[in-house]
Amino acid sequence: VTITGNGFLAGATASIGGVNCGGLVVVDAVTITCTSGASASGAKNVSVTNPSSFAGTLVSGFTYNAAPTITAISLTAGPVGGGATVTITGTGFSGSAVDIGAVACMPVIVVSSTQLTCTTGANAAATYSVVVTNFDAQAATLLAAYTYQAAPTVTMVAANNGAEAGGTAVTITGTNFDIVLGATATFGGTACTALTVVNATTITCTTPAHAAGAVAVTVTNNDAQSGTMAAAYTYNAAPTVTSVSPSIGKLAGATAVTITGTGFVAMATVDFGGSACGGIVVVNATTITCNTTAHAHGSVTVTVTNVDTQAGTKANGYSY
């Protein structure tokens, strides 16, 4: 510190709050330099005493600042590219600088002695301590307080197909899903419901309704970073039944039939008037073969039901 006044004599001493100032140099009759000693925080009197014991005092001439403390940070995670605005609360903030993992968070706005804001810089994905350093070099550290997150990725969706009406329970697999602040998922741009971020690699949810076709699945973390898998999920159109050949058979069943239509998927089931068809083979999306089972005399409805519970029927499609 530099103490300015008058009448300073060689051999003078100085004290701040009753604590002697070290390394004292009487520069001249109006200037003394010295180094403050340790003391409790608060305003202190500054006194200069000449060898003659005459002294001068400046009341509350020097203030000892308490070291800052950090109690909380408003965001605990953000993108590796930075740009997230965080609010840090604590005590004793004054002309402060902020570092997160040795990367400056700036610009720093000291709102008050208990609150400041800053914008994160870019950093590698990891969890870092937050350090607030005041102009007097006193600092506070909040350990492992902020995590730089890499963008999420989507690698798989199971089940990977379902009904246009939605309602299919799916599991999304990938990386870097935000387990702290959460994430959202969309199927073809429509939000998945009942979503749970199970862990950093797994999300479960229920598909929304969507028109038939393949759609992209996107996971977006709370920090707005997102990952997308193109054509990750297919909405199946309901099957249709256009013809059954032959369209007539014996009451005892065991007639080999070919069902033609659209939208047939593996493991589809078929019934004739409520009687299950046996030996079903889904040849392709438009053809199924099976063997009729026994049924009472008369014309019956033929129904094809996909595994997603969507069904197509042909009234009077077969006669026993």
Protein backbone atom coordinates (compact mmCIF):
# COMPACT_ATOMS: atom_id res chain seq x y z
CA VAL A 1 0.00 0.00 0.00
CA THR A 2 0.99 3.63 -0.43
CA ILE A 3 0.19 5.95 2.47
CA THR A 4 0.02 9.65 1.68
CA GLY A 5 0.10 12.43 4.27
CA ASN A 6 2.68 14.84 5.66
CA GLY A 7 5.34 15.06 8.31
CA PHE A 8 6.62 11.51 7.84
CA LEU A 9 10.12 11.08 9.32
CA ALA A 10 12.79 8.47 8.75
CA GLY A 11 12.18 5.54 11.09
CA ALA A 12 8.43 6.03 11.15
CA THR A 13 6.21 2.95 11.52
CA ALA A 14 2.76 2.25 10.14
CA SER A 15 -0.05 -0.03 11.22
CA ILE A 16 -3.37 -1.07 9.71
CA GLY A 17 -5.96 -2.06 12.24
CA GLY A 18 -3.24 -2.32 14.86
CA VAL A 19 -1.17 -4.72 12.74
CA ASN A 20 2.27 -3.46 11.72
CA CYS A 21 2.76 -2.85 8.01
CA GLY A 22 5.79 -4.76 6.74
CA GLY A 23 8.54 -3.77 4.33
CA LEU A 24 7.98 -0.14 5.17
CA VAL A 25 9.80 2.55 3.19
CA VAL A 26 9.56 6.25 4.07
CA VAL A 27 9.82 7.58 0.54
CA ASP A 28 9.67 11.20 1.64
CA ALA A 29 7.85 13.44 4.11
CA VAL A 30 4.52 12.85 2.38
CA THR A 31 4.76 9.20 1.18
CA ILE A 32 5.21 5.80 2.80
CA THR A 33 4.97 2.40 1.10
CA CYS A 34 4.51 -0.89 2.94
CA THR A 35 2.83 -4.28 2.79
CA SER A 36 -0.32 -4.91 4.80
CA GLY A 37 -0.34 -7.67 7.38
CA ALA A 38 -3.06 -10.23 7.92
CA SER A 39 -6.25 -9.15 9.64
CA ALA A 40 -9.93 -9.93 9.93
CA SER A 41 -12.20 -8.53 7.23
CA GLY A 42 -13.60 -5.05 7.57
CA ALA A 43 -12.61 -1.37 7.55
CA LYS A 44 -9.45 -0.56 9.58
CA ASN A 45 -7.73 2.59 10.81
CA VAL A 46 -4.34 3.40 9.24
CA SER A 47 -1.79 4.97 11.63
CA VAL A 48 1.68 6.37 11.05
CA THR A 49 3.91 6.91 14.09
CA ASN A 50 7.13 8.92 13.92
CA PRO A 51 10.12 8.04 16.13
CA SER A 52 9.07 10.91 18.38
CA SER A 53 5.86 8.95 19.08
CA PHE A 54 3.73 11.57 17.39
CA ALA A 55 1.15 9.76 15.27
CA GLY A 56 -1.46 10.44 12.63
CA THR A 57 -4.49 8.23 11.91
CA LEU A 58 -6.84 7.84 8.95
CA VAL A 59 -10.07 6.37 10.26
CA SER A 60 -11.33 3.42 8.18
CA GLY A 61 -8.56 4.10 5.73
CA PHE A 62 -8.15 0.49 4.58
CA THR A 63 -10.63 -2.36 4.13
CA TYR A 64 -9.74 -6.02 4.41
CA ASN A 65 -11.96 -8.02 2.06
CA ALA A 66 -13.16 -11.47 3.07
CA ALA A 67 -12.28 -14.22 0.62
CA PRO A 68 -15.18 -14.97 -1.76
CA THR A 69 -17.28 -18.10 -1.39
CA ILE A 70 -19.35 -20.01 -3.96
CA THR A 71 -22.57 -21.66 -2.82
CA ALA A 72 -24.32 -22.52 -6.10
CA ILE A 73 -24.25 -22.33 -9.89
CA SER A 74 -27.48 -22.04 -11.85
CA LEU A 75 -26.47 -24.46 -14.60
CA THR A 76 -24.48 -27.58 -13.84
CA ALA A 77 -24.02 -28.68 -17.46
CA GLY A 78 -23.68 -27.15 -20.89
CA PRO A 79 -22.33 -27.64 -24.42
CA VAL A 80 -18.65 -28.17 -25.19
CA GLY A 81 -18.87 -25.22 -27.54
CA GLY A 82 -19.65 -22.89 -24.64
CA GLY A 83 -22.12 -20.04 -24.89
CA ALA A 84 -24.17 -21.00 -21.82
CA THR A 85 -25.01 -18.16 -19.44
CA VAL A 86 -24.55 -19.16 -15.81
CA THR A 87 -25.38 -17.39 -12.57
CA ILE A 88 -23.03 -17.98 -9.64
CA THR A 89 -24.15 -17.18 -6.11
CA GLY A 90 -21.99 -16.86 -3.02
CA THR A 91 -20.41 -14.08 -0.97
CA GLY A 92 -17.68 -11.48 -1.25
CA PHE A 93 -17.66 -11.02 -5.03
CA SER A 94 -15.68 -7.94 -6.03
CA GLY A 95 -14.13 -7.23 -9.42
CA SER A 96 -14.21 -10.96 -9.95
CA ALA A 97 -12.93 -13.22 -12.71
CA VAL A 98 -14.40 -16.68 -13.31
CA ASP A 99 -12.73 -19.81 -14.66
CA ILE A 100 -14.35 -23.15 -15.40
CA GLY A 101 -11.73 -25.81 -15.90
CA ALA A 102 -9.09 -23.11 -16.51
CA VAL A 103 -11.22 -21.61 -19.30
CA ALA A 104 -12.45 -18.06 -18.73
CA CYS A 105 -16.17 -17.55 -18.30
CA MET A 106 -16.79 -14.08 -19.68
CA PRO A 107 -17.86 -11.37 -19.78
CA VAL A 108 -18.36 -11.35 -16.02
CA ILE A 109 -21.15 -9.15 -14.68
CA VAL A 110 -20.96 -8.68 -10.92
CA VAL A 111 -24.62 -8.13 -10.08
CA SER A 112 -23.89 -7.80 -6.38
CA SER A 113 -21.46 -9.05 -3.77
CA THR A 114 -23.47 -12.28 -3.70
CA GLN A 115 -24.25 -12.84 -7.38
CA LEU A 116 -22.49 -12.72 -10.74
CA THR A 117 -23.18 -13.95 -14.25
CA CYS A 118 -20.90 -15.01 -17.08
CA THR A 119 -20.92 -16.94 -20.36
CA THR A 120 -19.01 -20.19 -20.65
CA GLY A 121 -16.17 -20.63 -23.11
CA ALA A 122 -15.46 -23.76 -25.15
CA ASN A 123 -13.87 -26.72 -23.39
CA ALA A 124 -13.41 -30.46 -23.71
CA ALA A 125 -16.17 -32.74 -22.45
CA ALA A 126 -15.58 -33.38 -18.73
CA THR A 127 -16.60 -32.16 -15.28
CA TYR A 128 -14.69 -29.15 -13.96
CA SER A 129 -14.38 -26.97 -10.88
CA VAL A 130 -15.59 -23.36 -10.92
CA VAL A 131 -13.18 -20.73 -9.58
CA VAL A 132 -14.07 -17.11 -8.73
CA THR A 133 -11.05 -14.85 -8.19
CA ASN A 134 -11.40 -11.31 -6.81
CA PHE A 135 -9.18 -8.39 -7.82
CA ASP A 136 -7.18 -8.89 -4.60
CA ALA A 137 -6.29 -12.44 -5.78
CA GLN A 138 -8.43 -14.15 -3.15
CA ALA A 139 -10.35 -17.00 -4.73
CA ALA A 140 -13.14 -19.47 -4.10
CA THR A 141 -13.54 -22.90 -5.72
CA LEU A 142 -16.63 -25.07 -6.14
CA LEU A 143 -15.33 -28.54 -6.96
CA ALA A 144 -16.77 -30.59 -9.84
CA ALA A 145 -19.50 -28.00 -10.29
CA TYR A 146 -19.95 -27.82 -14.07
CA THR A 147 -19.94 -30.46 -16.80
CA TYR A 148 -19.17 -29.76 -20.43
CA GLN A 149 -21.31 -32.20 -22.39
CA ALA A 150 -20.64 -33.54 -25.85
CA ALA A 151 -23.62 -33.56 -28.23
CA PRO A 152 -25.85 -36.63 -27.93
CA THR A 153 -25.92 -39.34 -30.58
CA VAL A 154 -28.65 -41.80 -31.52
CA THR A 155 -27.47 -45.24 -32.63
CA MET A 156 -30.54 -47.48 -32.36
CA VAL A 157 -34.29 -47.47 -31.73
CA ALA A 158 -36.09 -50.61 -30.56
CA ALA A 159 -38.81 -51.35 -31.51
CA ASN A 160 -37.99 -49.76 -34.84
CA ASN A 161 -41.54 -49.76 -36.23
CA GLY A 162 -45.11 -49.37 -35.06
CA ALA A 163 -48.59 -48.12 -35.73
CA GLU A 164 -49.48 -44.77 -37.25
CA ALA A 165 -51.57 -44.07 -34.16
CA GLY A 166 -48.42 -44.17 -32.01
CA GLY A 167 -48.44 -45.65 -28.53
CA THR A 168 -45.49 -47.96 -29.15
CA ALA A 169 -43.03 -48.26 -26.26
CA VAL A 170 -39.51 -47.77 -27.58
CA THR A 171 -35.97 -47.70 -26.24
CA ILE A 172 -33.54 -45.21 -27.77
CA THR A 173 -29.86 -46.07 -27.49
CA GLY A 174 -27.00 -43.61 -28.03
CA THR A 175 -24.50 -41.51 -26.11
CA ASN A 176 -24.32 -38.35 -23.98
CA PHE A 177 -27.98 -38.17 -22.99
CA ASP A 178 -28.36 -35.55 -20.24
CA ILE A 179 -29.20 -37.41 -17.05
CA VAL A 180 -28.95 -34.26 -14.92
CA LEU A 181 -31.10 -31.68 -16.68
CA GLY A 182 -32.98 -34.00 -19.00
CA ALA A 183 -33.53 -34.47 -22.73
CA THR A 184 -36.37 -34.67 -25.23
CA ALA A 185 -36.93 -36.98 -28.18
CA THR A 186 -38.89 -36.46 -31.38
CA PHE A 187 -40.08 -38.89 -34.03
CA GLY A 188 -40.39 -37.14 -37.36
CA GLY A 189 -40.53 -33.84 -35.50
CA THR A 190 -43.25 -34.88 -33.05
CA ALA A 191 -42.40 -35.24 -29.36
CA CYS A 192 -42.20 -38.68 -27.81
CA THR A 193 -44.25 -38.93 -24.60
CA ALA A 194 -43.70 -40.54 -21.19
CA LEU A 195 -39.98 -40.00 -21.69
CA THR A 196 -37.41 -41.22 -19.17
CA VAL A 197 -33.66 -40.62 -19.43
CA VAL A 198 -32.59 -43.93 -17.89
CA ASN A 199 -28.88 -43.17 -18.14
CA ALA A 200 -26.42 -41.46 -20.48
CA THR A 201 -26.97 -44.09 -23.17
CA THR A 202 -30.64 -45.04 -22.80
CA ILE A 203 -33.97 -43.26 -23.16
CA THR A 204 -37.41 -44.87 -23.03
CA CYS A 205 -40.59 -43.25 -24.33
CA THR A 206 -43.86 -43.81 -26.17
CA THR A 207 -44.17 -42.90 -29.84
CA PRO A 208 -46.55 -40.14 -30.94
CA ALA A 209 -48.97 -40.49 -33.85
CA HIS A 210 -47.53 -39.92 -37.32
CA ALA A 211 -48.27 -40.65 -40.95
CA ALA A 212 -46.90 -43.90 -42.39
CA GLY A 213 -43.27 -43.97 -43.45
CA ALA A 214 -39.72 -43.88 -42.12
CA VAL A 215 -38.86 -40.94 -39.83
CA ALA A 216 -35.78 -39.51 -38.17
CA VAL A 217 -35.40 -39.80 -34.41
CA THR A 218 -33.79 -36.82 -32.66
CA VAL A 219 -32.64 -36.50 -29.05
CA THR A 220 -32.08 -32.95 -27.77
CA ASN A 221 -30.36 -32.25 -24.46
CA ASN A 222 -31.31 -29.41 -22.15
CA ASP A 223 -28.32 -27.44 -23.49
CA ALA A 224 -29.90 -27.53 -27.02
CA GLN A 225 -27.30 -29.90 -28.45
CA SER A 226 -28.95 -32.69 -30.43
CA GLY A 227 -28.25 -35.95 -32.23
CA THR A 228 -30.31 -37.47 -35.03
CA MET A 229 -30.60 -40.91 -36.61
CA ALA A 230 -32.19 -40.74 -40.05
CA ALA A 231 -34.95 -43.23 -40.92
CA ALA A 232 -34.60 -44.75 -37.45
CA TYR A 233 -38.25 -45.63 -37.01
CA THR A 234 -40.97 -46.66 -39.45
CA TYR A 235 -44.65 -45.94 -38.99
CA ASN A 236 -46.54 -48.81 -40.56
CA ALA A 237 -49.75 -48.20 -42.46
CA ALA A 238 -52.59 -50.47 -41.42
CA PRO A 239 -52.72 -53.61 -43.55
CA THR A 240 -55.41 -54.11 -46.17
CA VAL A 241 -56.89 -57.33 -47.53
CA THR A 242 -57.93 -57.22 -51.19
CA SER A 243 -58.42 -60.88 -52.11
CA VAL A 244 -58.31 -64.48 -50.86
CA SER A 245 -57.55 -67.32 -53.25
CA PRO A 246 -59.25 -69.70 -53.30
CA SER A 247 -62.19 -67.91 -51.76
CA ILE A 248 -64.11 -71.08 -50.87
CA GLY A 249 -63.21 -74.27 -49.00
CA LYS A 250 -64.46 -77.17 -46.93
CA LEU A 251 -65.87 -76.92 -43.42
CA ALA A 252 -63.06 -79.05 -42.01
CA GLY A 253 -60.49 -76.44 -43.04
CA ALA A 254 -56.96 -77.38 -44.21
CA THR A 255 -57.41 -75.41 -47.41
CA ALA A 256 -54.19 -73.68 -48.52
CA VAL A 257 -55.00 -70.05 -49.31
CA THR A 258 -53.11 -67.01 -50.55
CA ILE A 259 -54.11 -63.64 -49.12
CA THR A 260 -53.27 -60.55 -51.13
CA GLY A 261 -53.24 -57.00 -49.82
CA THR A 262 -50.83 -54.34 -48.50
CA GLY A 263 -48.83 -53.55 -45.41
CA PHE A 264 -48.23 -57.10 -44.19
CA VAL A 265 -45.32 -57.40 -41.75
CA ALA A 266 -43.42 -60.33 -40.26
CA MET A 267 -45.34 -62.26 -37.57
CA ALA A 268 -48.72 -60.99 -38.75
CA THR A 269 -51.68 -63.18 -37.79
CA VAL A 270 -54.71 -64.20 -39.86
CA ASP A 271 -58.17 -65.35 -38.89
CA PHE A 272 -61.14 -66.51 -40.86
CA GLY A 273 -64.34 -65.59 -39.08
CA GLY A 274 -62.51 -65.69 -35.77
CA SER A 275 -60.74 -69.01 -36.46
CA ALA A 276 -56.96 -68.68 -36.66
CA CYS A 277 -55.33 -69.61 -39.93
CA GLY A 278 -52.47 -72.10 -39.47
CA GLY A 279 -49.01 -72.33 -41.01
CA ILE A 280 -48.85 -68.61 -41.73
CA VAL A 281 -46.04 -67.41 -43.99
CA VAL A 282 -45.67 -63.67 -44.60
CA VAL A 283 -44.17 -63.93 -48.07
CA ASN A 284 -43.81 -60.17 -48.47
CA ALA A 285 -45.67 -56.96 -47.73
CA THR A 286 -48.46 -57.90 -50.14
CA THR A 287 -48.74 -61.69 -49.82
CA ILE A 288 -49.52 -64.14 -47.01
CA THR A 289 -50.07 -67.88 -47.29
CA CYS A 290 -51.76 -70.06 -44.66
CA ASN A 291 -54.07 -73.05 -44.10
CA THR A 292 -57.68 -72.56 -43.06
CA THR A 293 -58.98 -74.17 -39.89
CA ALA A 294 -62.41 -75.67 -39.33
CA HIS A 295 -65.44 -73.40 -39.23
CA ALA A 296 -69.21 -73.54 -39.56
CA HIS A 297 -70.86 -73.19 -42.96
CA GLY A 298 -71.11 -69.68 -44.36
CA SER A 299 -69.20 -66.61 -45.53
CA VAL A 300 -66.68 -65.09 -43.10
CA THR A 301 -64.55 -62.02 -42.71
CA VAL A 302 -60.82 -62.47 -43.27
CA THR A 303 -58.63 -60.38 -40.96
CA VAL A 304 -54.89 -59.77 -41.07
CA THR A 305 -53.44 -58.26 -37.87
CA ASN A 306 -49.88 -56.93 -37.71
CA VAL A 307 -47.74 -57.11 -34.59
CA ASP A 308 -48.47 -53.42 -33.96
CA THR A 309 -52.17 -54.45 -33.58
CA GLN A 310 -53.24 -52.62 -36.74
CA ALA A 311 -55.60 -54.79 -38.77
CA GLY A 312 -57.13 -55.01 -42.22
CA THR A 313 -60.27 -56.96 -43.08
CA LYS A 314 -62.21 -58.22 -46.08
CA ALA A 315 -65.86 -58.85 -45.34
CA ASN A 316 -67.20 -62.09 -46.86
CA GLY A 317 -63.69 -62.77 -48.02
CA TYR A 318 -64.02 -66.55 -47.71
CA SER A 319 -66.84 -69.06 -47.71
CA TYR A 320 -66.90 -72.37 -45.86
